[in-house]
């Protein structure tokens, strides 16, 4: 059974956010303006893409570390190191973590077969048969 991206908007959003975060992790310099690009994406990526890799407390600590690192002015070696370590940890968790897109597709298909919701998307149910609709009228 094929599940379209319209039924899994969280995965599509995660793909864009993860690509942005990996690009920032590989950047040579991080200016304060860059934080505006991804501060609202980081909680989503940590919650959706890294949920099985890091505990809830570790994910919260990562958010705090990134916030502290970007609020140090002028930047110091320890604030840069903290930021780099967190960004690389998240990038490696995305690349080698257990939250793979196939896992979510399997869950969505199984949920659809049981008549459940697929990642917050619309309920997947087959349309009623024409004969049943005509008999009801």
Protein backbone atom coordinates (compact mmCIF):
# COMPACT_ATOMS: atom_id res chain seq x y z
CA UNK A 1 0.00 0.00 0.00
CA UNK A 2 1.39 3.36 -0.97
CA UNK A 3 0.99 6.28 1.41
CA UNK A 4 1.26 9.77 -0.07
CA UNK A 5 3.13 12.64 1.55
CA UNK A 6 -0.19 14.42 2.11
CA UNK A 7 -0.98 11.74 4.66
CA UNK A 8 2.38 12.24 6.41
CA UNK A 9 3.02 15.99 6.61
CA UNK A 10 5.26 15.64 9.66
CA UNK A 11 7.75 13.53 7.71
CA UNK A 12 7.84 16.02 4.86
CA UNK A 13 8.41 18.88 7.30
CA UNK A 14 11.10 16.86 9.11
CA UNK A 15 12.95 16.35 5.83
CA UNK A 16 13.20 20.09 5.22
CA UNK A 17 14.11 20.89 8.82
CA UNK A 18 16.73 18.13 8.99
CA UNK A 19 18.37 19.30 5.76
CA UNK A 20 18.52 22.84 7.10
CA UNK A 21 20.00 21.71 10.42
CA UNK A 22 22.62 19.49 8.75
CA UNK A 23 23.60 22.42 6.53
CA UNK A 24 24.08 24.60 9.59
CA UNK A 25 26.12 21.88 11.33
CA UNK A 26 28.49 21.76 8.35
CA UNK A 27 28.82 25.53 7.97
CA UNK A 28 32.23 27.05 8.57
CA UNK A 29 31.00 30.03 10.58
CA UNK A 30 27.83 30.57 12.56
CA UNK A 31 26.65 34.12 12.95
CA UNK A 32 23.96 35.17 15.37
CA UNK A 33 21.59 35.77 12.47
CA UNK A 34 21.69 32.07 11.57
CA UNK A 35 19.93 31.20 14.80
CA UNK A 36 16.79 32.85 13.42
CA UNK A 37 16.83 30.31 10.58
CA UNK A 38 16.49 27.28 12.79
CA UNK A 39 15.55 28.13 16.39
CA UNK A 40 11.91 27.24 15.72
CA UNK A 41 12.90 24.05 13.85
CA UNK A 42 15.17 22.58 16.52
CA UNK A 43 12.41 21.50 18.95
CA UNK A 44 10.57 19.74 16.12
CA UNK A 45 13.69 17.94 14.88
CA UNK A 46 14.64 16.88 18.39
CA UNK A 47 11.12 15.66 19.10
CA UNK A 48 10.36 13.97 15.80
CA UNK A 49 13.70 12.85 14.37
CA UNK A 50 15.69 12.19 17.54
CA UNK A 51 13.02 10.92 19.91
CA UNK A 52 14.45 7.41 20.20
CA UNK A 53 18.08 8.53 20.17
CA UNK A 54 18.03 11.04 23.05
CA UNK A 55 15.99 11.09 26.23
CA UNK A 56 13.56 13.92 26.88
CA UNK A 57 15.93 15.51 29.39
CA UNK A 58 18.84 15.33 26.94
CA UNK A 59 16.75 16.96 24.21
CA UNK A 60 15.71 19.74 26.58
CA UNK A 61 19.34 20.22 27.64
CA UNK A 62 20.35 20.50 23.97
CA UNK A 63 17.80 23.27 23.44
CA UNK A 64 19.16 25.14 26.46
CA UNK A 65 22.78 24.68 25.35
CA UNK A 66 22.05 26.05 21.87
CA UNK A 67 20.21 29.02 23.37
CA UNK A 68 23.05 29.78 25.78
CA UNK A 69 25.71 29.35 23.09
CA UNK A 70 24.02 31.82 20.76
CA UNK A 71 23.40 34.36 23.54
CA UNK A 72 27.08 34.65 24.50
CA UNK A 73 28.48 37.84 23.03
CA UNK A 74 31.18 38.00 21.88
CA UNK A 75 31.48 34.33 21.06
CA UNK A 76 34.02 32.38 23.08
CA UNK A 77 35.73 29.08 22.43
CA UNK A 78 33.47 27.26 24.91
CA UNK A 79 30.24 28.65 23.45
CA UNK A 80 31.37 27.68 19.95
CA UNK A 81 32.37 24.23 21.17
CA UNK A 82 29.00 23.69 22.91
CA UNK A 83 27.10 24.71 19.79
CA UNK A 84 29.23 22.56 17.51
CA UNK A 85 28.89 19.49 19.74
CA UNK A 86 25.10 19.79 19.94
CA UNK A 87 24.65 20.40 16.21
CA UNK A 88 26.90 17.48 15.32
CA UNK A 89 25.15 15.21 17.82
CA UNK A 90 21.79 16.04 16.25
CA UNK A 91 23.18 15.63 12.71
CA UNK A 92 24.66 12.22 13.60
CA UNK A 93 21.41 11.18 15.30
CA UNK A 94 19.53 12.08 12.13
CA UNK A 95 21.99 10.19 9.94
CA UNK A 96 22.44 7.08 12.08
CA UNK A 97 19.49 7.17 14.47
CA UNK A 98 16.62 4.76 14.79
CA UNK A 99 13.92 7.16 13.56
CA UNK A 100 14.10 6.27 9.89
CA UNK A 101 11.48 7.33 7.30
CA UNK A 102 10.66 3.68 6.58
CA UNK A 103 9.66 3.20 10.20
CA UNK A 104 7.09 5.98 9.97
CA UNK A 105 5.78 4.68 6.64
CA UNK A 106 5.29 1.22 8.15
CA UNK A 107 3.44 2.69 11.12
CA UNK A 108 1.27 4.79 8.80
CA UNK A 109 0.34 1.84 6.59
CA UNK A 110 -0.43 -0.38 9.56
CA UNK A 111 -2.51 2.38 11.11
CA UNK A 112 -4.38 2.91 7.84
CA UNK A 113 -5.20 -0.79 7.61
CA UNK A 114 -6.68 -0.67 11.10
CA UNK A 115 -8.73 2.43 10.24
CA UNK A 116 -6.61 4.72 12.40
CA UNK A 117 -5.00 8.04 11.72
CA UNK A 118 -1.71 8.33 9.86
CA UNK A 119 0.68 10.78 11.52
CA UNK A 120 -2.01 13.30 12.26
CA UNK A 121 -3.33 13.17 8.73
CA UNK A 122 -6.86 12.44 7.54
CA UNK A 123 -8.54 9.18 8.44
CA UNK A 124 -7.87 6.64 5.71
CA UNK A 125 -11.02 4.69 4.89
CA UNK A 126 -12.12 3.26 1.58
CA UNK A 127 -15.00 5.02 -0.18
CA UNK A 128 -18.39 3.30 0.13
CA UNK A 129 -19.33 0.93 -2.65
CA UNK A 130 -21.77 2.27 -5.26
CA UNK A 131 -24.21 -0.59 -4.72
CA UNK A 132 -24.42 0.13 -0.99
CA UNK A 133 -24.92 3.84 -1.66
CA UNK A 134 -27.68 3.19 -4.25
CA UNK A 135 -29.46 0.73 -1.91
CA UNK A 136 -29.45 3.27 0.91
CA UNK A 137 -31.21 5.86 -1.25
